[in-house]
Amino acid sequence: MVVALGLVVLLAHEVRHGPTIGGALEAMFGTAEQENGRPRGEEVDTRLERDEPEDAIPGTFLSPREVRPLPEPADDFFPGVQPAYLEPVRDDTFFRGAEHDGWFHLLRILDEAVPGELEEASRGRVSFAQLFRQSKDYRGHLVRLRGTVRGAFPMYAPKNDYGIDRYHQLWLFPDDNPSSPIILFSLEIPEDFPTGMALVERAEATGFFFKRLAYEATDTLRTAPCVLAGGIRWEKPSPAPSLEPGDPGSPWTVFGMAMLFSACLAVYIYWRTRPGGNSSDRPAGPRGHRG
């Protein structure tokens, strides 16, 4: 029983101070957003039909009759944004050659802009459902995002005339919809920001909404909001105090002391109850009778 209790203490310590184990358990039993009581937004079905219409526009999943006229350009774009570059952009598709200039046009503006100016000109924090269902209204506009990054990968940019050579692809799961990702392309990330899969990193970003981007999910073809940013603000977790196995207060020390106590207790009980042990500790037999 003491050993079992010690193992529970060790597991609790490792889950708290070991990001790998903690992240795995979080992925299995729920997200941090749910556990910490953050509000969940409206559930959105992001699945995309695989079958293209017979008269589909090349490189898209849309037929001409499904393409709605683009709204008149608004006058509240960030300085430098040219709406004409965004007219060829189509939702629910992979990257298309016609979107090349619009993509790098926005990235160059982000590369040259002052971060504070971007935040002031943004439309503020928006929900996943807003970006997903009102993509035409937000295309080319600055929005703020906040959530958990669960994947980060450096990427080389295709050849272009805008001076952009690389960026990072981040899979950001927003607080209001932690089950569906926003695909974030950021020119820069903090120097010590981790990369790879199975991340659990809190971050914020301000960037241009580009389109609903199609991607191959593990179960089917899906689509997700795609946002371009100059950088991210990382809520870097504070390092937990490290305890060496021999330090007082270390769980390993507590576990070792519990094991030693258990061994001593077992030896004592065995000595008190062993056959042929101390006679004074055994019950007396029946008293004899005089002849």
Protein backbone atom coordinates (compact mmCIF):
# COMPACT_ATOMS: atom_id res chain seq x y z
CA MET A 1 0.00 0.00 0.00
CA VAL A 2 2.84 2.36 0.82
CA VAL A 3 4.55 1.53 -2.49
CA ALA A 4 1.32 2.17 -4.40
CA LEU A 5 0.89 5.53 -2.66
CA GLY A 6 4.48 6.42 -3.51
CA LEU A 7 3.92 5.62 -7.18
CA VAL A 8 0.86 7.88 -7.21
CA VAL A 9 2.96 10.72 -5.74
CA LEU A 10 5.66 10.19 -8.37
CA LEU A 11 3.16 10.13 -11.23
CA ALA A 12 1.52 13.34 -10.01
CA HIS A 13 4.94 15.01 -9.83
CA GLU A 14 5.95 13.90 -13.33
CA VAL A 15 2.64 15.01 -14.87
CA ARG A 16 3.02 18.41 -13.26
CA HIS A 17 6.67 18.98 -14.14
CA GLY A 18 7.10 16.80 -17.24
CA PRO A 19 5.63 18.49 -20.35
CA THR A 20 5.81 15.30 -22.41
CA ILE A 21 3.75 13.18 -20.02
CA GLY A 22 1.46 16.07 -19.19
CA GLY A 23 0.84 16.81 -22.86
CA ALA A 24 0.10 13.17 -23.62
CA LEU A 25 -2.41 12.88 -20.78
CA GLU A 26 -3.99 16.17 -21.81
CA ALA A 27 -4.41 14.95 -25.37
CA MET A 28 -5.99 11.71 -24.11
CA PHE A 29 -8.38 13.07 -21.51
CA GLY A 30 -9.14 16.63 -22.60
CA THR A 31 -7.65 19.96 -23.53
CA ALA A 32 -6.26 22.57 -21.19
CA GLU A 33 -8.91 25.02 -22.32
CA GLN A 34 -11.69 22.76 -21.10
CA GLU A 35 -9.99 21.98 -17.80
CA ASN A 36 -9.25 25.62 -17.02
CA GLY A 37 -12.83 26.67 -17.65
CA ARG A 38 -12.22 28.76 -20.75
CA PRO A 39 -15.36 29.35 -22.78
CA ARG A 40 -16.01 27.03 -25.69
CA GLY A 41 -17.39 28.48 -28.88
CA GLU A 42 -19.84 27.15 -31.39
CA GLU A 43 -18.94 23.80 -32.92
CA VAL A 44 -18.20 24.09 -36.64
CA ASP A 45 -18.20 21.25 -39.16
CA THR A 46 -14.96 21.68 -41.12
CA ARG A 47 -15.32 18.67 -43.42
CA LEU A 48 -15.00 19.32 -47.14
CA GLU A 49 -16.57 17.21 -49.88
CA ARG A 50 -13.97 15.38 -51.96
CA ASP A 51 -15.99 15.15 -55.16
CA GLU A 52 -15.48 18.13 -57.45
CA PRO A 53 -18.42 19.35 -59.54
CA GLU A 54 -18.21 18.40 -63.18
CA ASP A 55 -17.86 22.06 -64.14
CA ALA A 56 -15.47 22.93 -61.33
CA ILE A 57 -13.12 25.86 -61.72
CA PRO A 58 -9.60 24.40 -62.22
CA GLY A 59 -7.77 24.04 -58.92
CA THR A 60 -10.88 24.58 -56.81
CA PHE A 61 -13.89 22.71 -55.49
CA LEU A 62 -16.32 25.37 -56.71
CA SER A 63 -18.40 25.52 -59.85
CA PRO A 64 -19.02 28.89 -61.55
CA ARG A 65 -22.61 28.98 -60.34
CA GLU A 66 -21.40 28.71 -56.73
CA VAL A 67 -18.99 31.63 -56.97
CA ARG A 68 -20.57 34.73 -55.52
CA PRO A 69 -19.47 38.18 -56.67
CA LEU A 70 -16.83 39.68 -54.40
CA PRO A 71 -18.08 42.56 -52.24
CA GLU A 72 -16.93 46.06 -52.99
CA PRO A 73 -13.55 46.73 -51.36
CA ALA A 74 -13.87 48.50 -48.04
CA ASP A 75 -11.80 51.54 -47.20
CA ASP A 76 -10.63 50.25 -43.81
CA PHE A 77 -7.81 48.02 -45.04
CA PHE A 78 -4.42 48.36 -43.39
CA PRO A 79 -2.22 50.88 -45.28
CA GLY A 80 -0.54 49.20 -48.22
CA VAL A 81 -3.08 46.41 -48.73
CA GLN A 82 -4.27 46.28 -52.33
CA PRO A 83 -7.70 44.57 -52.54
CA ALA A 84 -7.07 43.74 -56.20
CA TYR A 85 -4.47 41.19 -55.15
CA LEU A 86 -7.11 39.36 -53.10
CA GLU A 87 -9.76 39.04 -55.80
CA PRO A 88 -8.41 35.71 -57.17
CA VAL A 89 -8.46 34.11 -53.69
CA ARG A 90 -11.00 31.29 -53.36
CA ASP A 91 -12.12 29.56 -50.16
CA ASP A 92 -12.23 25.79 -49.60
CA THR A 93 -9.29 25.14 -51.92
CA PHE A 94 -5.61 24.33 -51.62
CA PHE A 95 -3.10 27.01 -52.55
CA ARG A 96 -3.61 28.14 -56.13
CA GLY A 97 -1.16 29.81 -58.48
CA ALA A 98 -3.55 32.74 -58.95
CA GLU A 99 -3.22 33.50 -55.21
CA HIS A 100 0.59 33.78 -55.27
CA ASP A 101 0.77 37.58 -55.42
CA GLY A 102 -1.95 38.10 -52.84
CA TRP A 103 -0.17 35.74 -50.42
CA PHE A 104 3.27 37.34 -50.65
CA HIS A 105 1.83 40.84 -50.89
CA LEU A 106 0.39 40.47 -47.39
CA LEU A 107 3.55 38.82 -46.05
CA ARG A 108 5.70 41.71 -47.25
CA ILE A 109 3.41 44.21 -45.51
CA LEU A 110 3.72 42.20 -42.31
CA ASP A 111 7.50 42.08 -42.68
CA GLU A 112 7.75 45.85 -42.98
CA ALA A 113 5.06 46.89 -40.48
CA VAL A 114 5.51 47.83 -36.83
CA PRO A 115 3.81 45.21 -34.60
CA GLY A 116 2.08 47.87 -32.51
CA GLU A 117 0.49 49.40 -35.59
CA LEU A 118 -0.88 46.03 -36.66
CA GLU A 119 -2.57 45.48 -33.31
CA GLU A 120 -4.13 48.93 -33.28
CA ALA A 121 -5.52 48.49 -36.80
CA SER A 122 -6.91 44.99 -36.19
CA ARG A 123 -10.57 44.18 -35.82
CA GLY A 124 -9.83 42.72 -32.44
CA ARG A 125 -10.17 39.13 -31.34
CA VAL A 126 -12.52 37.12 -33.50
CA SER A 127 -13.97 33.64 -33.05
CA PHE A 128 -13.30 30.57 -35.14
CA ALA A 129 -16.91 30.57 -36.37
CA GLN A 130 -16.64 34.19 -37.53
CA LEU A 131 -13.56 33.49 -39.66
CA PHE A 132 -15.01 30.25 -40.99
CA ARG A 133 -18.44 31.56 -41.94
CA GLN A 134 -17.62 35.17 -42.82
CA SER A 135 -14.41 34.63 -44.72
CA LYS A 136 -15.22 37.19 -47.43
CA ASP A 137 -15.82 39.89 -44.81
CA TYR A 138 -12.50 39.26 -43.06
CA ARG A 139 -10.27 38.55 -46.07
CA GLY A 140 -7.30 40.92 -46.09
CA HIS A 141 -8.18 42.36 -42.69
CA LEU A 142 -6.19 42.13 -39.47
CA VAL A 143 -7.55 39.91 -36.70
CA ARG A 144 -6.25 38.80 -33.33
CA LEU A 145 -6.03 35.16 -32.30
CA ARG A 146 -5.37 33.43 -29.00
CA GLY A 147 -5.10 29.72 -28.32
CA THR A 148 -2.83 26.70 -27.99
CA VAL A 149 -0.18 25.82 -30.56
CA ARG A 150 -0.05 22.05 -31.02
CA GLY A 151 2.26 21.91 -34.03
CA ALA A 152 5.02 24.15 -35.45
CA PHE A 153 7.15 23.59 -38.55
CA PRO A 154 9.70 25.80 -40.36
CA MET A 155 9.10 26.10 -44.10
CA TYR A 156 10.98 27.53 -47.07
CA ALA A 157 8.90 29.93 -49.15
CA PRO A 158 8.40 29.32 -52.86
CA LYS A 159 10.36 31.54 -55.22
CA ASN A 160 8.90 35.05 -55.23
CA ASP A 161 9.72 38.69 -55.98
CA TYR A 162 8.78 39.97 -52.51
CA GLY A 163 11.91 39.05 -50.55
CA ILE A 164 10.23 36.37 -48.44
CA ASP A 165 12.41 33.27 -48.09
CA ARG A 166 10.93 31.37 -45.14
CA TYR A 167 8.17 31.29 -42.56
CA HIS A 168 6.70 28.91 -39.98
CA GLN A 169 3.47 26.96 -40.16
CA LEU A 170 1.67 26.79 -36.80
CA TRP A 171 -1.43 24.78 -35.96
CA LEU A 172 -3.26 27.01 -33.50
CA PHE A 173 -6.33 25.66 -31.70
CA PRO A 174 -8.29 28.74 -30.56
CA ASP A 175 -9.75 29.04 -27.09
CA ASP A 176 -13.33 29.29 -28.36
CA ASN A 177 -13.05 26.15 -30.53
CA PRO A 178 -10.20 23.93 -29.24
CA SER A 179 -11.19 20.95 -31.40
CA SER A 180 -10.53 22.64 -34.79
CA PRO A 181 -7.31 24.36 -35.88
CA ILE A 182 -6.48 27.68 -37.44
CA ILE A 183 -3.52 27.36 -39.82
CA LEU A 184 -1.21 30.23 -38.95
CA PHE A 185 1.80 31.18 -41.10
CA SER A 186 4.20 33.39 -39.15
CA LEU A 187 7.33 35.05 -40.51
CA GLU A 188 9.02 34.82 -37.12
CA ILE A 189 8.67 32.83 -33.91
CA PRO A 190 10.59 33.23 -30.62
CA GLU A 191 14.11 31.83 -30.76
CA ASP A 192 13.52 29.08 -28.20
CA PHE A 193 9.97 28.25 -29.30
CA PRO A 194 9.67 24.44 -29.69
CA THR A 195 8.85 22.83 -33.01
CA GLY A 196 7.31 19.54 -34.05
CA MET A 197 4.11 17.73 -33.12
CA ALA A 198 2.39 17.24 -29.74
CA LEU A 199 3.08 20.77 -28.51
CA VAL A 200 1.00 22.51 -25.86
CA GLU A 201 2.14 26.13 -26.09
CA ARG A 202 -0.03 29.14 -25.34
CA ALA A 203 0.32 31.97 -27.88
CA GLU A 204 -1.32 35.04 -29.40
CA ALA A 205 -0.98 36.53 -32.88
CA THR A 206 -2.24 39.43 -34.99
CA GLY A 207 -2.34 38.88 -38.72
CA PHE A 208 -4.22 39.04 -42.02
CA PHE A 209 -6.98 36.53 -42.64
CA PHE A 210 -6.36 34.99 -46.07
CA LYS A 211 -8.86 32.19 -46.81
CA ARG A 212 -10.43 28.92 -45.73
CA LEU A 213 -7.63 26.54 -46.67
CA ALA A 214 -8.27 22.90 -47.59
CA TYR A 215 -6.02 20.29 -45.97
CA GLU A 216 -5.81 16.53 -45.57
CA ALA A 217 -6.86 15.59 -42.03
CA THR A 218 -6.42 12.13 -40.54
CA ASP A 219 -10.06 11.24 -41.21
CA THR A 220 -11.09 13.21 -44.29
CA LEU A 221 -10.51 16.37 -46.30
CA ARG A 222 -11.19 19.42 -44.15
CA THR A 223 -10.87 23.19 -44.36
CA ALA A 224 -9.57 25.69 -41.81
CA PRO A 225 -9.13 29.46 -41.54
CA CYS A 226 -5.68 30.53 -42.73
CA VAL A 227 -4.03 33.61 -41.19
CA LEU A 228 -0.70 35.30 -42.02
CA ALA A 229 1.24 36.96 -39.18
CA GLY A 230 4.57 38.67 -38.71
CA GLY A 231 5.21 37.02 -35.35
CA ILE A 232 3.59 35.52 -32.28
CA ARG A 233 3.49 36.39 -28.60
CA TRP A 234 4.42 33.29 -26.68
CA GLU A 235 3.16 32.79 -23.14
CA LYS A 236 6.31 30.96 -22.16
CA PRO A 237 5.71 28.75 -19.12
CA SER A 238 7.87 29.56 -16.11
CA PRO A 239 10.42 26.81 -15.44
CA ALA A 240 9.51 24.56 -12.54
CA PRO A 241 12.15 24.27 -9.79
CA SER A 242 14.20 21.17 -10.45
CA LEU A 243 14.69 18.72 -7.61
CA GLU A 244 17.54 16.23 -7.79
CA PRO A 245 16.88 12.67 -6.58
CA GLY A 246 18.91 13.32 -3.42
CA ASP A 247 17.43 16.71 -2.52
CA PRO A 248 15.26 16.95 0.60
CA GLY A 249 11.69 17.22 -0.50
CA SER A 250 12.29 15.39 -3.75
CA PRO A 251 9.57 12.82 -4.54
CA TRP A 252 12.32 10.25 -5.02
CA THR A 253 13.58 10.89 -1.45
CA VAL A 254 10.05 10.58 -0.07
CA PHE A 255 9.52 7.38 -2.04
CA GLY A 256 12.83 5.94 -0.78
CA MET A 257 12.00 6.76 2.83
CA ALA A 258 8.58 5.14 2.41
CA MET A 259 10.21 1.99 1.02
CA LEU A 260 12.67 1.87 3.95
CA PHE A 261 9.87 2.34 6.46
CA SER A 262 7.85 -0.41 4.77
CA ALA A 263 10.80 -2.81 4.92
CA CYS A 264 11.44 -2.09 8.61
CA LEU A 265 7.76 -2.54 9.41
CA ALA A 266 7.64 -5.86 7.55
CA VAL A 267 10.72 -7.17 9.41
CA TYR A 268 9.27 -6.14 12.75
CA ILE A 269 5.92 -7.81 12.07
CA TYR A 270 7.65 -10.99 10.89
CA TRP A 271 9.86 -11.06 14.03
CA ARG A 272 6.83 -10.69 16.29
CA THR A 273 4.80 -13.40 14.59
CA ARG A 274 7.41 -15.92 13.44
CA PRO A 275 7.11 -19.55 14.63
CA GLY A 276 9.30 -20.24 17.67
CA GLY A 277 9.63 -16.59 18.42
CA ASN A 278 9.65 -14.89 21.81
CA SER A 279 7.62 -17.13 24.16
CA SER A 280 6.52 -14.23 26.29
CA ASP A 281 4.63 -12.96 23.32
CA ARG A 282 2.75 -16.22 22.73
CA PRO A 283 -0.49 -17.09 24.58
CA ALA A 284 0.01 -19.48 27.54
CA GLY A 285 -1.19 -23.09 27.22
CA PRO A 286 -3.67 -24.79 29.54
CA ARG A 287 -2.45 -25.04 33.14
CA GLY A 288 -1.67 -28.54 34.40
CA HIS A 289 -3.46 -30.32 37.32
CA ARG A 290 -1.82 -31.74 40.39
CA GLY A 291 -1.79 -35.43 40.69
